Amino acid sequence: MKSDIHPEYFHEATVSCSCGNTWVTGSTQESISTDLCSKCHPFYTGEQRIVDTEGQVERFYKKLEAQQQHVDTMEVEESVDEVVMSEVSLEEIGLTKRAVKALVDADIHNASDVMEVLNKGGEDKLLSISGFGRKSLIDLKKSLRSLGIEV
């Protein structure tokens, strides 16, 4: 065995826990600090207790609260978008009279109806409407994007 390659071994190393419990063991370090031990670990004590190290729990709850606020604002924005889309008529979109007539005959009267058809059946569903072709679909998409409605 090579000499001088092993660390110094302390036969009476002191281990101290954050709960105040201490004990002696053998280690390569003279003193050891730990956050949990058998006296304070929930598995051994049967009680649920959060050991907060430097405010980690508070930071987690702040992040969770911020995420919930973001989700809430997104839901509000989506509901506002729905109201806005239902108020945009086909004439305001700027389609040709033929395309508008074809969509009205297919019981599509505003932007939210158009988005509903696109989400359910895709472009093929709109193209299957008699009198509504590729050119009308391209114009419809451009107009919706210019109004701020994502297609």
N, C-alpha and C. Protein backbone atom coordinates (compact mmCIF):
# COMPACT_ATOMS: atom_id res chain seq x y z
N MET A 1 0.84 -1.16 0.00
CA MET A 1 0.00 0.00 0.00
C MET A 1 0.90 1.24 0.00
N LYS A 2 0.48 2.28 -0.77
CA LYS A 2 1.25 3.52 -0.82
C LYS A 2 1.06 4.32 0.46
N SER A 3 2.11 5.00 0.85
CA SER A 3 2.01 5.81 2.06
C SER A 3 1.61 7.24 1.69
N ASP A 4 0.97 7.91 2.63
CA ASP A 4 0.58 9.31 2.52
C ASP A 4 -0.45 9.59 1.43
N ILE A 5 -1.28 8.62 1.06
CA ILE A 5 -2.33 8.90 0.08
C ILE A 5 -3.72 8.89 0.72
N HIS A 6 -3.81 8.39 1.93
CA HIS A 6 -5.11 8.30 2.60
C HIS A 6 -5.34 9.52 3.49
N PRO A 7 -6.60 10.01 3.58
CA PRO A 7 -6.86 11.15 4.46
C PRO A 7 -6.77 10.74 5.92
N GLU A 8 -6.62 11.74 6.79
CA GLU A 8 -6.55 11.49 8.22
C GLU A 8 -7.91 11.02 8.72
N TYR A 9 -7.94 10.02 9.57
CA TYR A 9 -9.19 9.45 10.08
C TYR A 9 -9.36 9.85 11.54
N PHE A 10 -10.55 10.42 11.84
CA PHE A 10 -10.86 10.83 13.21
C PHE A 10 -11.80 9.80 13.80
N HIS A 11 -11.37 9.13 14.87
CA HIS A 11 -12.19 8.09 15.50
C HIS A 11 -13.34 8.69 16.30
N GLU A 12 -13.21 9.92 16.73
CA GLU A 12 -14.27 10.56 17.50
C GLU A 12 -14.70 11.86 16.82
N ALA A 13 -15.26 11.73 15.62
CA ALA A 13 -15.78 12.90 14.89
C ALA A 13 -17.18 13.22 15.41
N THR A 14 -17.46 14.50 15.58
CA THR A 14 -18.75 14.94 16.12
C THR A 14 -19.69 15.30 14.97
N VAL A 15 -20.89 14.73 15.00
CA VAL A 15 -21.92 15.03 14.01
C VAL A 15 -22.99 15.85 14.71
N SER A 16 -23.33 17.04 14.16
CA SER A 16 -24.37 17.87 14.78
C SER A 16 -25.47 18.13 13.74
N CYS A 17 -26.70 17.99 14.21
CA CYS A 17 -27.87 18.19 13.35
C CYS A 17 -28.45 19.57 13.62
N SER A 18 -29.23 20.08 12.67
CA SER A 18 -29.84 21.40 12.84
C SER A 18 -30.89 21.40 13.95
N CYS A 19 -31.38 20.23 14.33
CA CYS A 19 -32.37 20.16 15.41
C CYS A 19 -31.71 20.22 16.79
N GLY A 20 -30.38 20.14 16.85
CA GLY A 20 -29.67 20.20 18.12
C GLY A 20 -29.11 18.86 18.56
N ASN A 21 -29.46 17.79 17.93
CA ASN A 21 -28.97 16.46 18.27
C ASN A 21 -27.51 16.32 17.83
N THR A 22 -26.67 15.73 18.68
CA THR A 22 -25.27 15.47 18.33
C THR A 22 -24.90 14.04 18.70
N TRP A 23 -23.94 13.47 18.01
CA TRP A 23 -23.43 12.14 18.31
C TRP A 23 -22.01 12.02 17.77
N VAL A 24 -21.33 10.98 18.19
CA VAL A 24 -19.93 10.76 17.83
C VAL A 24 -19.84 9.55 16.93
N THR A 25 -19.02 9.68 15.88
CA THR A 25 -18.81 8.58 14.94
C THR A 25 -17.39 8.69 14.38
N GLY A 26 -17.00 7.79 13.54
CA GLY A 26 -15.69 7.85 12.90
C GLY A 26 -15.83 8.46 11.51
N SER A 27 -14.89 9.34 11.13
CA SER A 27 -14.99 10.00 9.83
C SER A 27 -13.64 10.58 9.44
N THR A 28 -13.54 11.02 8.20
CA THR A 28 -12.33 11.70 7.74
C THR A 28 -12.42 13.20 8.00
N GLN A 29 -13.54 13.66 8.55
CA GLN A 29 -13.70 15.05 8.94
C GLN A 29 -13.90 15.11 10.45
N GLU A 30 -13.36 16.14 11.07
CA GLU A 30 -13.41 16.23 12.52
C GLU A 30 -14.82 16.57 13.02
N SER A 31 -15.54 17.41 12.28
CA SER A 31 -16.92 17.74 12.65
C SER A 31 -17.78 17.78 11.39
N ILE A 32 -19.01 17.30 11.53
CA ILE A 32 -19.94 17.21 10.40
C ILE A 32 -21.25 17.87 10.81
N SER A 33 -21.83 18.69 9.92
CA SER A 33 -23.14 19.30 10.15
C SER A 33 -24.14 18.72 9.17
N THR A 34 -25.33 18.43 9.66
CA THR A 34 -26.37 17.86 8.80
C THR A 34 -27.70 18.56 9.08
N ASP A 35 -28.62 18.51 8.12
CA ASP A 35 -29.93 19.14 8.28
C ASP A 35 -30.93 18.21 8.95
N LEU A 36 -30.84 16.92 8.69
CA LEU A 36 -31.79 15.95 9.23
C LEU A 36 -31.07 14.79 9.89
N CYS A 37 -31.70 14.24 10.92
CA CYS A 37 -31.20 13.04 11.57
C CYS A 37 -32.39 12.18 11.98
N SER A 38 -32.13 11.08 12.63
CA SER A 38 -33.22 10.19 13.03
C SER A 38 -34.12 10.80 14.09
N LYS A 39 -33.67 11.84 14.79
CA LYS A 39 -34.49 12.49 15.82
C LYS A 39 -35.49 13.48 15.21
N CYS A 40 -35.19 14.01 13.99
CA CYS A 40 -36.06 15.03 13.43
C CYS A 40 -36.62 14.66 12.05
N HIS A 41 -36.17 13.56 11.44
CA HIS A 41 -36.66 13.18 10.11
C HIS A 41 -38.12 12.71 10.21
N PRO A 42 -39.00 13.18 9.30
CA PRO A 42 -40.42 12.81 9.37
C PRO A 42 -40.67 11.31 9.31
N PHE A 43 -39.81 10.57 8.64
CA PHE A 43 -39.99 9.12 8.55
C PHE A 43 -39.90 8.48 9.93
N TYR A 44 -38.97 8.97 10.73
CA TYR A 44 -38.76 8.40 12.07
C TYR A 44 -39.69 9.00 13.12
N THR A 45 -40.03 10.29 12.98
CA THR A 45 -40.85 10.96 14.00
C THR A 45 -42.33 10.80 13.74
N GLY A 46 -42.72 10.60 12.48
CA GLY A 46 -44.14 10.45 12.14
C GLY A 46 -44.85 11.78 11.97
N GLU A 47 -44.17 12.89 12.12
CA GLU A 47 -44.79 14.20 11.94
C GLU A 47 -44.23 14.86 10.68
N GLN A 48 -45.09 15.60 10.01
CA GLN A 48 -44.69 16.30 8.78
C GLN A 48 -44.17 17.67 9.18
N ARG A 49 -42.92 17.93 8.89
CA ARG A 49 -42.33 19.21 9.22
C ARG A 49 -41.43 19.63 8.08
N ILE A 50 -41.50 20.88 7.71
CA ILE A 50 -40.68 21.38 6.61
C ILE A 50 -39.45 22.05 7.20
N VAL A 51 -38.28 21.59 6.77
CA VAL A 51 -37.03 22.22 7.18
C VAL A 51 -36.71 23.25 6.12
N ASP A 52 -36.81 24.50 6.48
CA ASP A 52 -36.62 25.59 5.54
C ASP A 52 -35.16 26.02 5.54
N THR A 53 -34.48 25.78 4.46
CA THR A 53 -33.10 26.16 4.34
C THR A 53 -33.02 27.42 3.49
N GLU A 54 -32.71 28.53 4.13
CA GLU A 54 -32.51 29.82 3.48
C GLU A 54 -33.71 30.26 2.66
N GLY A 55 -34.93 30.05 3.13
CA GLY A 55 -36.13 30.57 2.48
C GLY A 55 -36.54 29.85 1.22
N GLN A 56 -36.10 28.61 1.04
CA GLN A 56 -36.44 27.88 -0.17
C GLN A 56 -37.95 27.66 -0.29
N VAL A 57 -38.60 27.40 0.82
CA VAL A 57 -40.04 27.14 0.80
C VAL A 57 -40.78 28.41 0.37
N GLU A 58 -40.39 29.57 0.93
CA GLU A 58 -41.04 30.82 0.56
C GLU A 58 -40.84 31.12 -0.92
N ARG A 59 -39.62 30.89 -1.43
CA ARG A 59 -39.37 31.12 -2.85
C ARG A 59 -40.22 30.20 -3.71
N PHE A 60 -40.36 28.94 -3.29
CA PHE A 60 -41.19 28.00 -4.04
C PHE A 60 -42.64 28.48 -4.07
N TYR A 61 -43.16 28.91 -2.91
CA TYR A 61 -44.55 29.37 -2.86
C TYR A 61 -44.74 30.64 -3.70
N LYS A 62 -43.73 31.53 -3.73
CA LYS A 62 -43.83 32.72 -4.57
C LYS A 62 -43.88 32.34 -6.04
N LYS A 63 -43.04 31.38 -6.44
CA LYS A 63 -43.06 30.93 -7.83
C LYS A 63 -44.40 30.30 -8.17
N LEU A 64 -44.92 29.50 -7.26
CA LEU A 64 -46.20 28.85 -7.47
C LEU A 64 -47.32 29.89 -7.60
N GLU A 65 -47.29 30.91 -6.75
CA GLU A 65 -48.29 31.97 -6.81
C GLU A 65 -48.17 32.76 -8.11
N ALA A 66 -46.95 33.06 -8.53
CA ALA A 66 -46.74 33.79 -9.78
C ALA A 66 -47.24 32.97 -10.97
N GLN A 67 -47.00 31.66 -10.94
CA GLN A 67 -47.47 30.81 -12.02
C GLN A 67 -49.00 30.80 -12.07
N GLN A 68 -49.64 30.73 -10.91
CA GLN A 68 -51.10 30.73 -10.86
C GLN A 68 -51.66 32.05 -11.38
N GLN A 69 -51.01 33.17 -11.03
CA GLN A 69 -51.45 34.46 -11.53
C GLN A 69 -51.30 34.52 -13.05
N HIS A 70 -50.21 33.96 -13.58
CA HIS A 70 -50.01 33.93 -15.03
C HIS A 70 -51.10 33.12 -15.71
N VAL A 71 -51.42 31.96 -15.14
CA VAL A 71 -52.48 31.12 -15.70
C VAL A 71 -53.81 31.86 -15.67
N ASP A 72 -54.10 32.56 -14.57
CA ASP A 72 -55.34 33.31 -14.46
C ASP A 72 -55.42 34.42 -15.51
N THR A 73 -54.31 35.15 -15.71
CA THR A 73 -54.33 36.22 -16.71
C THR A 73 -54.47 35.65 -18.12
N MET A 74 -53.86 34.50 -18.37
CA MET A 74 -53.99 33.88 -19.69
C MET A 74 -55.44 33.48 -19.96
N GLU A 75 -56.12 32.96 -18.92
CA GLU A 75 -57.52 32.59 -19.08
C GLU A 75 -58.38 33.81 -19.35
N VAL A 76 -58.09 34.91 -18.69
CA VAL A 76 -58.84 36.15 -18.92
C VAL A 76 -58.60 36.65 -20.33
N GLU A 77 -57.33 36.62 -20.78
CA GLU A 77 -57.01 37.06 -22.14
C GLU A 77 -57.69 36.19 -23.17
N GLU A 78 -57.74 34.87 -22.94
CA GLU A 78 -58.41 33.98 -23.88
C GLU A 78 -59.90 34.28 -23.95
N SER A 79 -60.52 34.56 -22.80
CA SER A 79 -61.95 34.86 -22.82
C SER A 79 -62.20 36.20 -23.52
N VAL A 80 -61.26 37.17 -23.34
CA VAL A 80 -61.39 38.45 -24.05
C VAL A 80 -61.23 38.22 -25.54
N ASP A 81 -60.28 37.37 -25.95
CA ASP A 81 -60.09 37.05 -27.36
C ASP A 81 -61.35 36.44 -27.96
N GLU A 82 -62.02 35.56 -27.19
CA GLU A 82 -63.25 34.94 -27.67
C GLU A 82 -64.32 36.00 -27.92
N VAL A 83 -64.45 36.96 -26.99
CA VAL A 83 -65.43 38.03 -27.15
C VAL A 83 -65.09 38.87 -28.36
N VAL A 84 -63.80 39.20 -28.52
CA VAL A 84 -63.37 40.02 -29.66
C VAL A 84 -63.64 39.29 -30.96
N MET A 85 -63.33 38.00 -31.01
CA MET A 85 -63.54 37.24 -32.25
C MET A 85 -65.01 37.13 -32.58
N SER A 86 -65.86 37.01 -31.58
CA SER A 86 -67.28 36.88 -31.87
C SER A 86 -67.86 38.20 -32.36
N GLU A 87 -67.17 39.33 -32.05
CA GLU A 87 -67.65 40.62 -32.50
C GLU A 87 -67.17 40.98 -33.90
N VAL A 88 -66.15 40.26 -34.43
CA VAL A 88 -65.62 40.56 -35.75
C VAL A 88 -66.47 39.82 -36.78
N SER A 89 -67.19 40.59 -37.58
CA SER A 89 -68.06 39.97 -38.59
C SER A 89 -67.24 39.64 -39.84
N LEU A 90 -67.84 38.87 -40.73
CA LEU A 90 -67.15 38.47 -41.95
C LEU A 90 -66.88 39.67 -42.85
N GLU A 91 -67.76 40.66 -42.83
CA GLU A 91 -67.57 41.85 -43.66
C GLU A 91 -66.35 42.64 -43.17
N GLU A 92 -66.13 42.66 -41.85
CA GLU A 92 -64.98 43.37 -41.30
C GLU A 92 -63.67 42.68 -41.62
N ILE A 93 -63.73 41.40 -41.87
CA ILE A 93 -62.51 40.64 -42.18
C ILE A 93 -61.96 41.06 -43.54
N GLY A 94 -62.82 41.44 -44.45
CA GLY A 94 -62.37 41.94 -45.75
C GLY A 94 -62.35 40.88 -46.83
N LEU A 95 -63.28 39.94 -46.78
CA LEU A 95 -63.37 38.92 -47.82
C LEU A 95 -64.23 39.42 -48.98
N THR A 96 -64.13 38.71 -50.07
CA THR A 96 -64.98 39.06 -51.22
C THR A 96 -66.43 38.72 -50.90
N LYS A 97 -67.33 39.33 -51.66
CA LYS A 97 -68.76 39.08 -51.43
C LYS A 97 -69.10 37.61 -51.65
N ARG A 98 -68.47 36.99 -52.62
CA ARG A 98 -68.73 35.58 -52.90
C ARG A 98 -68.31 34.69 -51.73
N ALA A 99 -67.11 34.98 -51.17
CA ALA A 99 -66.62 34.19 -50.04
C ALA A 99 -67.51 34.40 -48.81
N VAL A 100 -67.93 35.63 -48.57
CA VAL A 100 -68.81 35.92 -47.43
C VAL A 100 -70.13 35.17 -47.60
N LYS A 101 -70.70 35.21 -48.81
CA LYS A 101 -71.97 34.53 -49.06
C LYS A 101 -71.82 33.02 -48.85
N ALA A 102 -70.70 32.45 -49.30
CA ALA A 102 -70.47 31.01 -49.14
C ALA A 102 -70.38 30.65 -47.65
N LEU A 103 -69.68 31.47 -46.88
CA LEU A 103 -69.54 31.20 -45.45
C LEU A 103 -70.87 31.38 -44.72
N VAL A 104 -71.63 32.40 -45.06
CA VAL A 104 -72.94 32.61 -44.43
C VAL A 104 -73.88 31.46 -44.76
N ASP A 105 -73.83 30.98 -45.99
CA ASP A 105 -74.66 29.82 -46.38
C ASP A 105 -74.27 28.58 -45.59
N ALA A 106 -73.00 28.50 -45.16
CA ALA A 106 -72.53 27.36 -44.36
C ALA A 106 -72.71 27.62 -42.87
N ASP A 107 -73.46 28.66 -42.49
CA ASP A 107 -73.76 29.02 -41.10
C ASP A 107 -72.52 29.46 -40.32
N ILE A 108 -71.65 30.19 -41.02
CA ILE A 108 -70.46 30.79 -40.39
C ILE A 108 -70.63 32.30 -40.52
N HIS A 109 -70.77 32.99 -39.36
CA HIS A 109 -71.14 34.40 -39.39
C HIS A 109 -70.09 35.35 -38.84
N ASN A 110 -69.10 34.87 -38.08
CA ASN A 110 -68.09 35.76 -37.52
C ASN A 110 -66.76 35.02 -37.38
N ALA A 111 -65.76 35.73 -36.86
CA ALA A 111 -64.40 35.17 -36.76
C ALA A 111 -64.33 33.97 -35.82
N SER A 112 -65.11 33.98 -34.74
CA SER A 112 -65.07 32.84 -33.82
C SER A 112 -65.64 31.58 -34.48
N ASP A 113 -66.65 31.75 -35.34
CA ASP A 113 -67.17 30.59 -36.09
C ASP A 113 -66.12 30.04 -37.04
N VAL A 114 -65.38 30.95 -37.68
CA VAL A 114 -64.31 30.52 -38.59
C VAL A 114 -63.24 29.75 -37.82
N MET A 115 -62.82 30.27 -36.65
CA MET A 115 -61.80 29.60 -35.85
C MET A 115 -62.29 28.24 -35.35
N GLU A 116 -63.57 28.16 -35.03
CA GLU A 116 -64.14 26.89 -34.57
C GLU A 116 -64.08 25.85 -35.68
N VAL A 117 -64.41 26.26 -36.90
CA VAL A 117 -64.35 25.33 -38.05
C VAL A 117 -62.91 24.93 -38.32
N LEU A 118 -62.00 25.89 -38.25
CA LEU A 118 -60.58 25.58 -38.48
C LEU A 118 -60.03 24.63 -37.43
N ASN A 119 -60.43 24.82 -36.17
CA ASN A 119 -59.94 23.96 -35.10
C ASN A 119 -60.51 22.56 -35.19
N LYS A 120 -61.76 22.44 -35.60
CA LYS A 120 -62.40 21.11 -35.68
C LYS A 120 -62.02 20.35 -36.93
N GLY A 121 -62.13 21.00 -38.08
CA GLY A 121 -61.93 20.27 -39.33
C GLY A 121 -60.75 20.71 -40.14
N GLY A 122 -60.10 21.78 -39.75
CA GLY A 122 -58.95 22.27 -40.48
C GLY A 122 -59.35 23.00 -41.75
N GLU A 123 -58.36 23.27 -42.57
CA GLU A 123 -58.58 24.01 -43.82
C GLU A 123 -59.48 23.24 -44.77
N ASP A 124 -59.39 21.91 -44.77
CA ASP A 124 -60.19 21.10 -45.68
C ASP A 124 -61.68 21.32 -45.47
N LYS A 125 -62.07 21.54 -44.22
CA LYS A 125 -63.48 21.77 -43.90
C LYS A 125 -63.96 23.06 -44.56
N LEU A 126 -63.13 24.11 -44.51
CA LEU A 126 -63.50 25.37 -45.17
C LEU A 126 -63.47 25.24 -46.68
N LEU A 127 -62.47 24.52 -47.20
CA LEU A 127 -62.36 24.37 -48.65
C LEU A 127 -63.48 23.51 -49.23
N SER A 128 -64.12 22.70 -48.38
CA SER A 128 -65.22 21.88 -48.87
C SER A 128 -66.51 22.68 -49.04
N ILE A 129 -66.53 23.92 -48.54
CA ILE A 129 -67.71 24.78 -48.70
C ILE A 129 -67.77 25.25 -50.14
N SER A 130 -68.91 25.09 -50.76
CA SER A 130 -69.10 25.49 -52.15
C SER A 130 -68.98 27.01 -52.28
N GLY A 131 -68.10 27.46 -53.20
CA GLY A 131 -67.90 28.88 -53.41
C GLY A 131 -66.76 29.47 -52.59
N PHE A 132 -66.10 28.66 -51.78
CA PHE A 132 -64.99 29.12 -50.96
C PHE A 132 -63.75 28.34 -51.37
N GLY A 133 -62.80 29.02 -52.02
CA GLY A 133 -61.62 28.34 -52.54
C GLY A 133 -60.34 28.71 -51.83
N ARG A 134 -59.22 28.31 -52.43
CA ARG A 134 -57.90 28.54 -51.84
C ARG A 134 -57.60 30.04 -51.70
N LYS A 135 -57.93 30.81 -52.72
CA LYS A 135 -57.69 32.26 -52.68
C LYS A 135 -58.45 32.89 -51.52
N SER A 136 -59.68 32.47 -51.32
CA SER A 136 -60.48 33.01 -50.22
C SER A 136 -59.88 32.59 -48.88
N LEU A 137 -59.36 31.37 -48.80
CA LEU A 137 -58.74 30.89 -47.56
C LEU A 137 -57.48 31.69 -47.25
N ILE A 138 -56.66 31.96 -48.26
CA ILE A 138 -55.44 32.75 -48.06
C ILE A 138 -55.81 34.16 -47.59
N ASP A 139 -56.80 34.78 -48.24
CA ASP A 139 -57.25 36.12 -47.85
C ASP A 139 -57.79 36.12 -46.42
N LEU A 140 -58.54 35.07 -46.07
CA LEU A 140 -59.11 34.96 -44.72
C LEU A 140 -58.00 34.90 -43.67
N LYS A 141 -56.99 34.07 -43.92
CA LYS A 141 -55.89 33.93 -42.96
C LYS A 141 -55.12 35.24 -42.81
N LYS A 142 -54.83 35.93 -43.92
CA LYS A 142 -54.12 37.20 -43.85
C LYS A 142 -54.91 38.22 -43.06
N SER A 143 -56.19 38.29 -43.31
CA SER A 143 -57.03 39.26 -42.62
C SER A 143 -57.12 38.97 -41.13
N LEU A 144 -57.25 37.69 -40.76
CA LEU A 144 -57.33 37.34 -39.35
C LEU A 144 -56.02 37.68 -38.63
N ARG A 145 -54.88 37.41 -39.30
CA ARG A 145 -53.60 37.75 -38.69
C ARG A 145 -53.45 39.27 -38.52
N SER A 146 -53.92 40.02 -39.51
CA SER A 146 -53.82 41.48 -39.41
C SER A 146 -54.70 42.01 -38.27
N LEU A 147 -55.76 41.31 -37.93
CA LEU A 147 -56.62 41.69 -36.81
C LEU A 147 -56.07 41.22 -35.46
N GLY A 148 -54.98 40.47 -35.50
CA GLY A 148 -54.38 39.98 -34.26
C GLY A 148 -54.91 38.64 -33.82
N ILE A 149 -55.63 37.95 -34.69
CA ILE A 149 -56.18 36.63 -34.36
C ILE A 149 -55.23 35.60 -34.96
N GLU A 150 -54.65 34.78 -34.09
CA GLU A 150 -53.66 33.78 -34.53
C GLU A 150 -54.36 32.58 -35.15
N VAL A 151 -53.98 32.26 -36.39
CA VAL A 151 -54.60 31.14 -37.12
C VAL A 151 -53.69 29.95 -37.06
